[in-house]
């Protein structure tokens, strides 16, 4: 009921950032391929951060 007051975990925030970057990369893919590749690389870095956080929280 009060989920609007619940704080997001760092992993959730990174997933949101990853989705945003992937959407931007997709939108740029038809206009500017180089910019799209750069956004995709940024998204890949965010995904590695997500993987690192998942692996450290499992321990």
PDB file of N, CA and C in Angstrom:
ATOM      1  N   UNK A   1       0.810  -1.182   0.000  1.00  0.00           N
ATOM      2  CA  UNK A   1       0.000   0.000   0.000  1.00  0.00           C
ATOM      3  C   UNK A   1       0.863   1.260   0.000  1.00  0.00           C
ATOM      4  N   UNK A   2       1.934   1.249   0.779  1.00  0.00           N
ATOM      5  CA  UNK A   2       2.790   2.410   0.852  1.00  0.00           C
ATOM      6  C   UNK A   2       4.093   2.184   0.091  1.00  0.00           C
ATOM      7  N   UNK A   3       4.006   1.596  -1.078  1.00  0.00           N
ATOM      8  CA  UNK A   3       5.206   1.316  -1.860  1.00  0.00           C
ATOM      9  C   UNK A   3       5.866   2.576  -2.397  1.00  0.00           C
ATOM     10  N   UNK A   4       5.134   3.690  -2.398  1.00  0.00           N
ATOM     11  CA  UNK A   4       5.738   4.930  -2.879  1.00  0.00           C
ATOM     12  C   UNK A   4       6.778   5.456  -1.895  1.00  0.00           C
ATOM     13  N   UNK A   5       6.695   5.024  -0.635  1.00  0.00           N
ATOM     14  CA  UNK A   5       7.650   5.454   0.371  1.00  0.00           C
ATOM     15  C   UNK A   5       8.824   4.500   0.502  1.00  0.00           C
ATOM     16  N   UNK A   6       8.757   3.371  -0.162  1.00  0.00           N
ATOM     17  CA  UNK A   6       9.816   2.382  -0.089  1.00  0.00           C
ATOM     18  C   UNK A   6      11.005   2.849  -0.922  1.00  0.00           C
ATOM     19  N   UNK A   7      12.179   2.799  -0.343  1.00  0.00           N
ATOM     20  CA  UNK A   7      13.383   3.207  -1.062  1.00  0.00           C
ATOM     21  C   UNK A   7      13.823   2.082  -1.997  1.00  0.00           C
ATOM     22  N   UNK A   8      14.327   2.495  -3.152  1.00  0.00           N
ATOM     23  CA  UNK A   8      14.809   1.515  -4.112  1.00  0.00           C
ATOM     24  C   UNK A   8      16.219   1.079  -3.735  1.00  0.00           C
ATOM     25  N   UNK A   9      16.499  -0.164  -4.010  1.00  0.00           N
ATOM     26  CA  UNK A   9      17.837  -0.672  -3.756  1.00  0.00           C
ATOM     27  C   UNK A   9      18.782  -0.150  -4.840  1.00  0.00           C
ATOM     28  N   UNK A  10      20.083  -0.183  -4.577  1.00  0.00           N
ATOM     29  CA  UNK A  10      21.038   0.266  -5.599  1.00  0.00           C
ATOM     30  C   UNK A  10      20.932  -0.538  -6.897  1.00  0.00           C
ATOM     31  N   UNK A  11      20.600  -1.809  -6.773  1.00  0.00           N
ATOM     32  CA  UNK A  11      20.460  -2.641  -7.972  1.00  0.00           C
ATOM     33  C   UNK A  11      19.265  -2.185  -8.797  1.00  0.00           C
ATOM     34  N   UNK A  12      18.157  -1.857  -8.135  1.00  0.00           N
ATOM     35  CA  UNK A  12      16.978  -1.361  -8.848  1.00  0.00           C
ATOM     36  C   UNK A  12      17.273  -0.048  -9.566  1.00  0.00           C
ATOM     37  N   UNK A  13      18.028   0.829  -8.909  1.00  0.00           N
ATOM     38  CA  UNK A  13      18.386   2.100  -9.529  1.00  0.00           C
ATOM     39  C   UNK A  13      19.258   1.876 -10.761  1.00  0.00           C
ATOM     40  N   UNK A  14      20.189   0.916 -10.659  1.00  0.00           N
ATOM     41  CA  UNK A  14      21.055   0.633 -11.800  1.00  0.00           C
ATOM     42  C   UNK A  14      20.281   0.003 -12.948  1.00  0.00           C
ATOM     43  N   UNK A  15      19.305  -0.861 -12.635  1.00  0.00           N
ATOM     44  CA  UNK A  15      18.471  -1.431 -13.690  1.00  0.00           C
ATOM     45  C   UNK A  15      17.696  -0.334 -14.426  1.00  0.00           C
ATOM     46  N   UNK A  16      17.200   0.631 -13.682  1.00  0.00           N
ATOM     47  CA  UNK A  16      16.470   1.742 -14.284  1.00  0.00           C
ATOM     48  C   UNK A  16      17.394   2.544 -15.213  1.00  0.00           C
ATOM     49  N   UNK A  17      18.619   2.787 -14.751  1.00  0.00           N
ATOM     50  CA  UNK A  17      19.594   3.511 -15.560  1.00  0.00           C
ATOM     51  C   UNK A  17      19.953   2.704 -16.804  1.00  0.00           C
ATOM     52  N   UNK A  18      20.103   1.386 -16.650  1.00  0.00           N
ATOM     53  CA  UNK A  18      20.424   0.511 -17.779  1.00  0.00           C
ATOM     54  C   UNK A  18      19.314   0.561 -18.828  1.00  0.00           C
ATOM     55  N   UNK A  19      18.076   0.467 -18.385  1.00  0.00           N
ATOM     56  CA  UNK A  19      16.942   0.512 -19.323  1.00  0.00           C
ATOM     57  C   UNK A  19      16.902   1.837 -20.071  1.00  0.00           C
ATOM     58  N   UNK A  20      17.169   2.929 -19.357  1.00  0.00           N
ATOM     59  CA  UNK A  20      17.167   4.251 -19.984  1.00  0.00           C
ATOM     60  C   UNK A  20      18.249   4.337 -21.057  1.00  0.00           C
ATOM     61  N   UNK A  21      19.444   3.863 -20.733  1.00  0.00           N
ATOM     62  CA  UNK A  21      20.544   3.916 -21.694  1.00  0.00           C
ATOM     63  C   UNK A  21      20.260   3.048 -22.916  1.00  0.00           C
ATOM     64  N   UNK A  22      19.660   1.896 -22.703  1.00  0.00           N
ATOM     65  CA  UNK A  22      19.353   1.020 -23.837  1.00  0.00           C
ATOM     66  C   UNK A  22      18.282   1.636 -24.740  1.00  0.00           C
ATOM     67  N   UNK A  23      17.298   2.307 -24.151  1.00  0.00           N
ATOM     68  CA  UNK A  23      16.281   2.984 -24.951  1.00  0.00           C
ATOM     69  C   UNK A  23      16.909   4.099 -25.781  1.00  0.00           C
ATOM     70  N   UNK A  24      17.814   4.862 -25.161  1.00  0.00           N
ATOM     71  CA  UNK A  24      18.488   5.932 -25.883  1.00  0.00           C
ATOM     72  C   UNK A  24      19.350   5.368 -27.009  1.00  0.00           C
ATOM     73  N   UNK A  25      20.034   4.263 -26.743  1.00  0.00           N
ATOM     74  CA  UNK A  25      20.873   3.641 -27.770  1.00  0.00           C
ATOM     75  C   UNK A  25      20.018   3.170 -28.942  1.00  0.00           C
ATOM     76  N   UNK A  26      18.865   2.617 -28.631  1.00  0.00           N
ATOM     77  CA  UNK A  26      17.978   2.146 -29.693  1.00  0.00           C
ATOM     78  C   UNK A  26      17.455   3.316 -30.526  1.00  0.00           C
ATOM     79  N   UNK A  27      17.102   4.397 -29.857  1.00  0.00           N
ATOM     80  CA  UNK A  27      16.602   5.574 -30.578  1.00  0.00           C
ATOM     81  C   UNK A  27      17.696   6.183 -31.454  1.00  0.00           C
ATOM     82  N   UNK A  28      18.928   6.170 -30.978  1.00  0.00           N
ATOM     83  CA  UNK A  28      20.028   6.746 -31.743  1.00  0.00           C
ATOM     84  C   UNK A  28      20.493   5.837 -32.885  1.00  0.00           C
ATOM     85  N   UNK A  29      20.139   4.570 -32.816  1.00  0.00           N
ATOM     86  CA  UNK A  29      20.649   3.618 -33.811  1.00  0.00           C
ATOM     87  C   UNK A  29      20.210   3.949 -35.234  1.00  0.00           C
ATOM     88  N   UNK A  30      19.089   4.631 -35.376  1.00  0.00           N
ATOM     89  CA  UNK A  30      18.636   4.973 -36.723  1.00  0.00           C
ATOM     90  C   UNK A  30      19.214   6.291 -37.216  1.00  0.00           C
ATOM     91  N   UNK A  31      19.741   7.085 -36.285  1.00  0.00           N
ATOM     92  CA  UNK A  31      20.224   8.420 -36.645  1.00  0.00           C
ATOM     93  C   UNK A  31      21.749   8.473 -36.663  1.00  0.00           C
ATOM     94  N   UNK A  32      22.365   8.057 -35.565  1.00  0.00           N
ATOM     95  CA  UNK A  32      23.804   8.194 -35.401  1.00  0.00           C
ATOM     96  C   UNK A  32      24.357   6.913 -34.787  1.00  0.00           C
ATOM     97  N   UNK A  33      24.955   6.090 -35.617  1.00  0.00           N
ATOM     98  CA  UNK A  33      25.418   4.786 -35.170  1.00  0.00           C
ATOM     99  C   UNK A  33      26.519   4.888 -34.106  1.00  0.00           C
ATOM    100  N   UNK A  34      27.424   5.839 -34.277  1.00  0.00           N
ATOM    101  CA  UNK A  34      28.523   5.978 -33.331  1.00  0.00           C
ATOM    102  C   UNK A  34      28.005   6.355 -31.939  1.00  0.00           C
ATOM    103  N   UNK A  35      27.077   7.285 -31.870  1.00  0.00           N
ATOM    104  CA  UNK A  35      26.489   7.682 -30.591  1.00  0.00           C
ATOM    105  C   UNK A  35      25.724   6.510 -29.973  1.00  0.00           C
ATOM    106  N   UNK A  36      25.074   5.737 -30.820  1.00  0.00           N
ATOM    107  CA  UNK A  36      24.358   4.560 -30.337  1.00  0.00           C
ATOM    108  C   UNK A  36      25.321   3.552 -29.712  1.00  0.00           C
ATOM    109  N   UNK A  37      26.454   3.345 -30.361  1.00  0.00           N
ATOM    110  CA  UNK A  37      27.457   2.422 -29.823  1.00  0.00           C
ATOM    111  C   UNK A  37      28.009   2.913 -28.491  1.00  0.00           C
ATOM    112  N   UNK A  38      28.186   4.219 -28.359  1.00  0.00           N
ATOM    113  CA  UNK A  38      28.671   4.768 -27.097  1.00  0.00           C
ATOM    114  C   UNK A  38      27.659   4.570 -25.972  1.00  0.00           C
ATOM    115  N   UNK A  39      26.378   4.772 -26.274  1.00  0.00           N
ATOM    116  CA  UNK A  39      25.331   4.551 -25.266  1.00  0.00           C
ATOM    117  C   UNK A  39      25.271   3.079 -24.884  1.00  0.00           C
ATOM    118  N   UNK A  40      25.441   2.221 -25.876  1.00  0.00           N
ATOM    119  CA  UNK A  40      25.413   0.783 -25.603  1.00  0.00           C
ATOM    120  C   UNK A  40      26.587   0.391 -24.715  1.00  0.00           C
ATOM    121  N   UNK A  41      27.753   1.006 -24.927  1.00  0.00           N
ATOM    122  CA  UNK A  41      28.916   0.730 -24.085  1.00  0.00           C
ATOM    123  C   UNK A  41      28.672   1.206 -22.651  1.00  0.00           C
ATOM    124  N   UNK A  42      28.032   2.359 -22.501  1.00  0.00           N
ATOM    125  CA  UNK A  42      27.687   2.848 -21.158  1.00  0.00           C
ATOM    126  C   UNK A  42      26.740   1.871 -20.465  1.00  0.00           C
ATOM    127  N   UNK A  43      25.779   1.366 -21.218  1.00  0.00           N
ATOM    128  CA  UNK A  43      24.823   0.411 -20.651  1.00  0.00           C
ATOM    129  C   UNK A  43      25.535  -0.874 -20.235  1.00  0.00           C
ATOM    130  N   UNK A  44      26.514  -1.285 -20.992  1.00  0.00           N
ATOM    131  CA  UNK A  44      27.271  -2.490 -20.653  1.00  0.00           C
ATOM    132  C   UNK A  44      28.043  -2.287 -19.345  1.00  0.00           C
ATOM    133  N   UNK A  45      28.578  -1.084 -19.142  1.00  0.00           N
ATOM    134  CA  UNK A  45      29.284  -0.795 -17.891  1.00  0.00           C
ATOM    135  C   UNK A  45      28.322  -0.858 -16.708  1.00  0.00           C
ATOM    136  N   UNK A  46      27.131  -0.335 -16.893  1.00  0.00           N
ATOM    137  CA  UNK A  46      26.135  -0.376 -15.828  1.00  0.00           C
ATOM    138  C   UNK A  46      25.758  -1.824 -15.519  1.00  0.00           C
ATOM    139  N   UNK A  47      25.654  -2.647 -16.559  1.00  0.00           N
ATOM    140  CA  UNK A  47      25.308  -4.055 -16.334  1.00  0.00           C
ATOM    141  C   UNK A  47      26.416  -4.778 -15.573  1.00  0.00           C
ATOM    142  N   UNK A  48      27.676  -4.441 -15.823  1.00  0.00           N
ATOM    143  CA  UNK A  48      28.752  -5.065 -15.049  1.00  0.00           C
ATOM    144  C   UNK A  48      28.687  -4.629 -13.588  1.00  0.00           C
ATOM    145  N   UNK A  49      28.295  -3.371 -13.342  1.00  0.00           N
ATOM    146  CA  UNK A  49      28.115  -2.917 -11.961  1.00  0.00           C
ATOM    147  C   UNK A  49      26.998  -3.698 -11.281  1.00  0.00           C
ATOM    148  N   UNK A  50      25.929  -3.952 -12.017  1.00  0.00           N
ATOM    149  CA  UNK A  50      24.815  -4.736 -11.473  1.00  0.00           C
ATOM    150  C   UNK A  50      25.289  -6.133 -11.119  1.00  0.00           C
ATOM    151  N   UNK A  51      26.049  -6.750 -12.009  1.00  0.00           N
ATOM    152  CA  UNK A  51      26.564  -8.097 -11.756  1.00  0.00           C
ATOM    153  C   UNK A  51      27.477  -8.120 -10.527  1.00  0.00           C
ATOM    154  N   UNK A  52      28.321  -7.098 -10.408  1.00  0.00           N
ATOM    155  CA  UNK A  52      29.207  -7.038  -9.237  1.00  0.00           C
ATOM    156  C   UNK A  52      28.409  -6.901  -7.946  1.00  0.00           C
ATOM    157  N   UNK A  53      27.396  -6.064  -7.957  1.00  0.00           N
ATOM    158  CA  UNK A  53      26.570  -5.908  -6.754  1.00  0.00           C
ATOM    159  C   UNK A  53      25.823  -7.184  -6.414  1.00  0.00           C
ATOM    160  N   UNK A  54      25.328  -7.873  -7.434  1.00  0.00           N
ATOM    161  CA  UNK A  54      24.621  -9.136  -7.178  1.00  0.00           C
ATOM    162  C   UNK A  54      25.554 -10.164  -6.580  1.00  0.00           C
ATOM    163  N   UNK A  55      26.786 -10.243  -7.112  1.00  0.00           N
ATOM    164  CA  UNK A  55      27.729 -11.232  -6.617  1.00  0.00           C
ATOM    165  C   UNK A  55      28.195 -10.916  -5.209  1.00  0.00           C
ATOM    166  N   UNK A  56      28.342  -9.661  -4.861  1.00  0.00           N
ATOM    167  CA  UNK A  56      28.795  -9.315  -3.523  1.00  0.00           C
ATOM    168  C   UNK A  56      27.688  -9.469  -2.483  1.00  0.00           C
ATOM    169  N   UNK A  57      26.431  -9.295  -2.897  1.00  0.00           N
ATOM    170  CA  UNK A  57      25.348  -9.431  -1.936  1.00  0.00           C
ATOM    171  C   UNK A  57      24.994 -10.889  -1.670  1.00  0.00           C
ATOM    172  N   UNK A  58      25.381 -11.801  -2.558  1.00  0.00           N
ATOM    173  CA  UNK A  58      25.109 -13.216  -2.346  1.00  0.00           C
ATOM    174  C   UNK A  58      26.004 -13.817  -1.271  1.00  0.00           C
ATOM    175  N   UNK A  59      27.170 -13.222  -1.083  1.00  0.00           N
ATOM    176  CA  UNK A  59      28.111 -13.761  -0.087  1.00  0.00           C
ATOM    177  C   UNK A  59      27.594 -13.469   1.259  1.00  0.00           C
TER     178      UNK A  59
END
